[in-house]
Amino acid sequence: MKKYALILGLATAVLAQPSFAAEVKQVVFKCDRAISLPVTFVNDKQSFAVVTVDGRQLLLTESPSGSGAVYTSADKNLPYSLSTKNDNAFVNFGDSTILENCVSK
């Protein structure tokens, strides 16, 4: 967890620099069971998403996808992924979908 806090701290410091031209977008998805899924997307040379799932703040990196976007955890012990397309999203843990039918407000 400390590793993610450090990464997020560094990302915040970089984003605060006026010369940083990344696009930052905050989106809240509403999922089944009335679950809110806030996501911060950062798009630059490398794109990533910061999301809180199961009480964990995760840094997910964009992976190749046929359509939409897929963000995956680099931590093999926490195999979360976030898939998005248009205003829709779902979250997997390994091969199991844990949040589905998520739609952005």
N, C-alpha and C. Protein backbone atom coordinates (compact mmCIF):
# COMPACT_ATOMS: atom_id res chain seq x y z
N MET A 1 0.83 -1.19 0.00
CA MET A 1 0.00 0.00 0.00
C MET A 1 0.87 1.26 0.00
N LYS A 2 2.01 1.18 0.72
CA LYS A 2 2.90 2.34 0.75
C LYS A 2 3.44 2.65 -0.63
N LYS A 3 3.66 1.57 -1.42
CA LYS A 3 4.17 1.75 -2.78
C LYS A 3 3.17 2.57 -3.60
N TYR A 4 1.86 2.26 -3.48
CA TYR A 4 0.85 3.00 -4.23
C TYR A 4 0.75 4.43 -3.73
N ALA A 5 0.86 4.64 -2.42
CA ALA A 5 0.81 6.00 -1.88
C ALA A 5 1.97 6.83 -2.44
N LEU A 6 3.14 6.23 -2.53
CA LEU A 6 4.30 6.92 -3.09
C LEU A 6 4.07 7.24 -4.57
N ILE A 7 3.56 6.27 -5.33
CA ILE A 7 3.30 6.49 -6.74
C ILE A 7 2.27 7.60 -6.92
N LEU A 8 1.20 7.55 -6.12
CA LEU A 8 0.17 8.57 -6.23
C LEU A 8 0.70 9.93 -5.83
N GLY A 9 1.57 9.96 -4.81
CA GLY A 9 2.18 11.22 -4.40
C GLY A 9 3.04 11.81 -5.50
N LEU A 10 3.82 10.96 -6.16
CA LEU A 10 4.66 11.42 -7.26
C LEU A 10 3.80 11.89 -8.43
N ALA A 11 2.73 11.14 -8.72
CA ALA A 11 1.84 11.54 -9.81
C ALA A 11 1.21 12.89 -9.51
N THR A 12 0.81 13.10 -8.26
CA THR A 12 0.22 14.38 -7.85
C THR A 12 1.22 15.51 -8.01
N ALA A 13 2.47 15.27 -7.59
CA ALA A 13 3.50 16.29 -7.71
C ALA A 13 3.76 16.65 -9.17
N VAL A 14 3.81 15.64 -10.04
CA VAL A 14 4.04 15.89 -11.47
C VAL A 14 2.86 16.65 -12.06
N LEU A 15 1.65 16.25 -11.68
CA LEU A 15 0.46 16.92 -12.22
C LEU A 15 0.40 18.38 -11.80
N ALA A 16 1.00 18.71 -10.67
CA ALA A 16 0.96 20.08 -10.18
C ALA A 16 1.90 20.99 -10.97
N GLN A 17 2.82 20.41 -11.74
CA GLN A 17 3.75 21.20 -12.53
C GLN A 17 3.03 21.80 -13.74
N PRO A 18 3.21 23.09 -13.98
CA PRO A 18 2.51 23.73 -15.09
C PRO A 18 2.90 23.18 -16.46
N SER A 19 4.10 22.60 -16.60
CA SER A 19 4.53 22.11 -17.91
C SER A 19 3.97 20.73 -18.23
N PHE A 20 3.31 20.09 -17.28
CA PHE A 20 2.77 18.76 -17.50
C PHE A 20 1.47 18.87 -18.29
N ALA A 21 1.42 18.24 -19.45
CA ALA A 21 0.29 18.43 -20.35
C ALA A 21 -0.67 17.25 -20.35
N ALA A 22 -0.67 16.43 -19.31
CA ALA A 22 -1.55 15.26 -19.27
C ALA A 22 -3.00 15.70 -19.10
N GLU A 23 -3.88 14.91 -19.65
CA GLU A 23 -5.31 15.12 -19.46
C GLU A 23 -5.75 14.31 -18.23
N VAL A 24 -6.38 14.97 -17.28
CA VAL A 24 -6.87 14.32 -16.06
C VAL A 24 -8.38 14.44 -16.06
N LYS A 25 -9.04 13.32 -15.89
CA LYS A 25 -10.51 13.30 -15.92
C LYS A 25 -11.03 12.44 -14.77
N GLN A 26 -11.94 13.00 -13.99
CA GLN A 26 -12.55 12.26 -12.89
C GLN A 26 -13.97 11.86 -13.30
N VAL A 27 -14.28 10.57 -13.12
CA VAL A 27 -15.58 10.03 -13.51
C VAL A 27 -16.10 9.20 -12.34
N VAL A 28 -17.41 9.28 -12.10
CA VAL A 28 -18.03 8.41 -11.10
C VAL A 28 -19.00 7.50 -11.85
N PHE A 29 -18.76 6.21 -11.74
CA PHE A 29 -19.65 5.21 -12.33
C PHE A 29 -20.61 4.73 -11.25
N LYS A 30 -21.86 4.50 -11.62
CA LYS A 30 -22.85 3.86 -10.74
C LYS A 30 -23.02 2.44 -11.24
N CYS A 31 -22.79 1.47 -10.33
CA CYS A 31 -22.81 0.06 -10.70
C CYS A 31 -24.00 -0.64 -10.05
N ASP A 32 -24.18 -1.91 -10.42
CA ASP A 32 -25.21 -2.72 -9.77
C ASP A 32 -25.05 -2.65 -8.26
N ARG A 33 -26.13 -2.91 -7.56
CA ARG A 33 -26.19 -2.87 -6.09
C ARG A 33 -25.92 -1.45 -5.57
N ALA A 34 -26.16 -0.44 -6.41
CA ALA A 34 -26.02 0.98 -6.04
C ALA A 34 -24.62 1.32 -5.55
N ILE A 35 -23.61 0.68 -6.12
CA ILE A 35 -22.22 0.93 -5.75
C ILE A 35 -21.66 2.06 -6.61
N SER A 36 -21.02 3.04 -5.96
CA SER A 36 -20.33 4.12 -6.68
C SER A 36 -18.89 3.70 -6.91
N LEU A 37 -18.41 3.97 -8.10
CA LEU A 37 -17.04 3.66 -8.47
C LEU A 37 -16.37 4.91 -9.02
N PRO A 38 -15.69 5.69 -8.13
CA PRO A 38 -14.98 6.88 -8.61
C PRO A 38 -13.65 6.47 -9.25
N VAL A 39 -13.37 7.06 -10.41
CA VAL A 39 -12.14 6.75 -11.14
C VAL A 39 -11.51 8.05 -11.61
N THR A 40 -10.20 8.16 -11.44
CA THR A 40 -9.45 9.27 -12.01
C THR A 40 -8.59 8.72 -13.14
N PHE A 41 -8.83 9.22 -14.34
CA PHE A 41 -8.06 8.80 -15.51
C PHE A 41 -6.99 9.85 -15.79
N VAL A 42 -5.78 9.39 -16.06
CA VAL A 42 -4.68 10.28 -16.44
C VAL A 42 -4.17 9.78 -17.79
N ASN A 43 -4.24 10.64 -18.79
CA ASN A 43 -3.83 10.28 -20.14
C ASN A 43 -2.70 11.18 -20.60
N ASP A 44 -1.59 10.57 -20.89
CA ASP A 44 -0.42 11.27 -21.43
C ASP A 44 0.29 10.27 -22.33
N LYS A 45 1.58 10.19 -22.28
CA LYS A 45 2.30 9.19 -23.07
C LYS A 45 1.93 7.78 -22.61
N GLN A 46 1.69 7.63 -21.31
CA GLN A 46 1.17 6.38 -20.76
C GLN A 46 -0.11 6.74 -20.01
N SER A 47 -1.15 5.95 -20.18
CA SER A 47 -2.42 6.23 -19.53
C SER A 47 -2.63 5.29 -18.36
N PHE A 48 -3.24 5.83 -17.30
CA PHE A 48 -3.57 4.99 -16.17
C PHE A 48 -4.82 5.49 -15.48
N ALA A 49 -5.34 4.65 -14.60
CA ALA A 49 -6.55 4.97 -13.84
C ALA A 49 -6.27 4.71 -12.37
N VAL A 50 -6.78 5.58 -11.53
CA VAL A 50 -6.71 5.40 -10.08
C VAL A 50 -8.14 5.13 -9.62
N VAL A 51 -8.32 4.00 -8.94
CA VAL A 51 -9.66 3.55 -8.56
C VAL A 51 -9.60 2.94 -7.17
N THR A 52 -10.67 3.07 -6.41
CA THR A 52 -10.77 2.42 -5.10
C THR A 52 -11.78 1.30 -5.21
N VAL A 53 -11.31 0.07 -4.98
CA VAL A 53 -12.15 -1.13 -5.04
C VAL A 53 -11.82 -1.99 -3.83
N ASP A 54 -12.86 -2.52 -3.21
CA ASP A 54 -12.67 -3.39 -2.03
C ASP A 54 -11.84 -2.70 -0.95
N GLY A 55 -12.00 -1.39 -0.82
CA GLY A 55 -11.27 -0.65 0.20
C GLY A 55 -9.81 -0.41 -0.13
N ARG A 56 -9.39 -0.73 -1.34
CA ARG A 56 -7.99 -0.55 -1.76
C ARG A 56 -7.92 0.50 -2.86
N GLN A 57 -6.97 1.40 -2.72
CA GLN A 57 -6.73 2.36 -3.80
C GLN A 57 -5.73 1.72 -4.74
N LEU A 58 -6.11 1.63 -6.02
CA LEU A 58 -5.30 0.91 -7.00
C LEU A 58 -4.86 1.83 -8.12
N LEU A 59 -3.65 1.62 -8.56
CA LEU A 59 -3.13 2.29 -9.74
C LEU A 59 -3.12 1.26 -10.85
N LEU A 60 -3.92 1.49 -11.90
CA LEU A 60 -4.06 0.56 -13.00
C LEU A 60 -3.51 1.20 -14.27
N THR A 61 -2.77 0.43 -15.04
CA THR A 61 -2.14 0.92 -16.25
C THR A 61 -2.90 0.42 -17.47
N GLU A 62 -3.05 1.30 -18.47
CA GLU A 62 -3.78 0.89 -19.66
C GLU A 62 -3.03 -0.20 -20.41
N SER A 63 -3.78 -1.22 -20.82
CA SER A 63 -3.26 -2.34 -21.59
C SER A 63 -3.91 -2.33 -22.97
N PRO A 64 -3.30 -2.99 -23.95
CA PRO A 64 -3.91 -3.05 -25.28
C PRO A 64 -5.31 -3.66 -25.22
N SER A 65 -6.22 -3.11 -26.03
CA SER A 65 -7.60 -3.58 -26.05
C SER A 65 -8.15 -3.43 -27.47
N GLY A 66 -8.99 -4.37 -27.85
CA GLY A 66 -9.60 -4.31 -29.18
C GLY A 66 -10.54 -3.13 -29.33
N SER A 67 -11.35 -2.89 -28.30
CA SER A 67 -12.24 -1.73 -28.33
C SER A 67 -12.43 -1.26 -26.90
N GLY A 68 -12.63 0.02 -26.72
CA GLY A 68 -12.68 0.56 -25.37
C GLY A 68 -11.28 0.62 -24.78
N ALA A 69 -11.20 0.57 -23.47
CA ALA A 69 -9.91 0.61 -22.78
C ALA A 69 -9.92 -0.40 -21.63
N VAL A 70 -8.78 -1.01 -21.39
CA VAL A 70 -8.61 -1.93 -20.27
C VAL A 70 -7.42 -1.46 -19.45
N TYR A 71 -7.64 -1.31 -18.16
CA TYR A 71 -6.59 -0.89 -17.23
C TYR A 71 -6.35 -2.05 -16.27
N THR A 72 -5.08 -2.43 -16.09
CA THR A 72 -4.76 -3.59 -15.26
C THR A 72 -3.74 -3.23 -14.19
N SER A 73 -3.81 -3.98 -13.11
CA SER A 73 -2.87 -3.81 -12.01
C SER A 73 -1.54 -4.47 -12.36
N ALA A 74 -0.46 -3.83 -12.01
CA ALA A 74 0.86 -4.42 -12.21
C ALA A 74 1.18 -5.42 -11.09
N ASP A 75 0.42 -5.37 -10.00
CA ASP A 75 0.63 -6.26 -8.86
C ASP A 75 -0.08 -7.58 -9.11
N LYS A 76 0.67 -8.65 -9.34
CA LYS A 76 0.08 -9.96 -9.65
C LYS A 76 -0.70 -10.53 -8.47
N ASN A 77 -0.46 -10.04 -7.25
CA ASN A 77 -1.22 -10.48 -6.08
C ASN A 77 -2.58 -9.80 -6.00
N LEU A 78 -2.76 -8.72 -6.73
CA LEU A 78 -4.03 -7.99 -6.78
C LEU A 78 -4.43 -7.85 -8.25
N PRO A 79 -4.91 -8.93 -8.87
CA PRO A 79 -5.16 -8.92 -10.32
C PRO A 79 -6.46 -8.23 -10.72
N TYR A 80 -6.59 -6.96 -10.33
CA TYR A 80 -7.78 -6.18 -10.70
C TYR A 80 -7.62 -5.65 -12.11
N SER A 81 -8.75 -5.50 -12.79
CA SER A 81 -8.75 -4.80 -14.08
C SER A 81 -10.05 -4.01 -14.19
N LEU A 82 -9.95 -2.90 -14.88
CA LEU A 82 -11.09 -2.03 -15.15
C LEU A 82 -11.23 -1.95 -16.66
N SER A 83 -12.40 -2.31 -17.17
CA SER A 83 -12.67 -2.22 -18.61
C SER A 83 -13.70 -1.13 -18.83
N THR A 84 -13.44 -0.25 -19.80
CA THR A 84 -14.36 0.84 -20.09
C THR A 84 -14.62 0.91 -21.59
N LYS A 85 -15.83 1.33 -21.91
CA LYS A 85 -16.19 1.61 -23.31
C LYS A 85 -17.32 2.61 -23.27
N ASN A 86 -17.10 3.74 -23.92
CA ASN A 86 -18.07 4.84 -23.89
C ASN A 86 -18.35 5.21 -22.43
N ASP A 87 -19.61 5.15 -21.99
CA ASP A 87 -19.97 5.52 -20.61
C ASP A 87 -20.11 4.30 -19.70
N ASN A 88 -19.66 3.14 -20.14
CA ASN A 88 -19.85 1.90 -19.39
C ASN A 88 -18.54 1.34 -18.88
N ALA A 89 -18.62 0.58 -17.78
CA ALA A 89 -17.42 -0.02 -17.20
C ALA A 89 -17.79 -1.27 -16.42
N PHE A 90 -16.77 -2.10 -16.19
CA PHE A 90 -16.90 -3.21 -15.25
C PHE A 90 -15.52 -3.49 -14.67
N VAL A 91 -15.51 -4.13 -13.48
CA VAL A 91 -14.26 -4.42 -12.78
C VAL A 91 -14.16 -5.93 -12.57
N ASN A 92 -13.00 -6.47 -12.90
CA ASN A 92 -12.72 -7.88 -12.65
C ASN A 92 -11.64 -8.02 -11.59
N PHE A 93 -11.71 -9.15 -10.88
CA PHE A 93 -10.61 -9.60 -10.03
C PHE A 93 -10.23 -10.96 -10.58
N GLY A 94 -9.10 -11.01 -11.28
CA GLY A 94 -8.76 -12.23 -12.00
C GLY A 94 -9.79 -12.45 -13.10
N ASP A 95 -10.39 -13.65 -13.11
CA ASP A 95 -11.39 -13.98 -14.13
C ASP A 95 -12.81 -13.70 -13.68
N SER A 96 -13.00 -13.18 -12.46
CA SER A 96 -14.34 -12.95 -11.92
C SER A 96 -14.73 -11.48 -12.00
N THR A 97 -15.91 -11.21 -12.52
CA THR A 97 -16.44 -9.85 -12.55
C THR A 97 -17.00 -9.52 -11.17
N ILE A 98 -16.48 -8.45 -10.56
CA ILE A 98 -16.93 -8.09 -9.20
C ILE A 98 -17.81 -6.84 -9.19
N LEU A 99 -17.70 -6.01 -10.19
CA LEU A 99 -18.59 -4.85 -10.37
C LEU A 99 -19.01 -4.81 -11.82
N GLU A 100 -20.32 -4.76 -12.06
CA GLU A 100 -20.78 -4.77 -13.45
C GLU A 100 -21.91 -3.78 -13.65
N ASN A 101 -22.24 -3.60 -14.91
CA ASN A 101 -23.28 -2.65 -15.31
C ASN A 101 -23.04 -1.26 -14.72
N CYS A 102 -21.78 -0.83 -14.78
CA CYS A 102 -21.41 0.49 -14.27
C CYS A 102 -21.59 1.51 -15.39
N VAL A 103 -22.27 2.60 -15.07
CA VAL A 103 -22.54 3.65 -16.04
C VAL A 103 -22.11 4.98 -15.42
N SER A 104 -21.39 5.79 -16.21
CA SER A 104 -20.96 7.09 -15.68
C SER A 104 -22.13 8.04 -15.59
N LYS A 105 -22.07 8.93 -14.60
CA LYS A 105 -23.14 9.93 -14.39
C LYS A 105 -23.09 10.97 -15.48
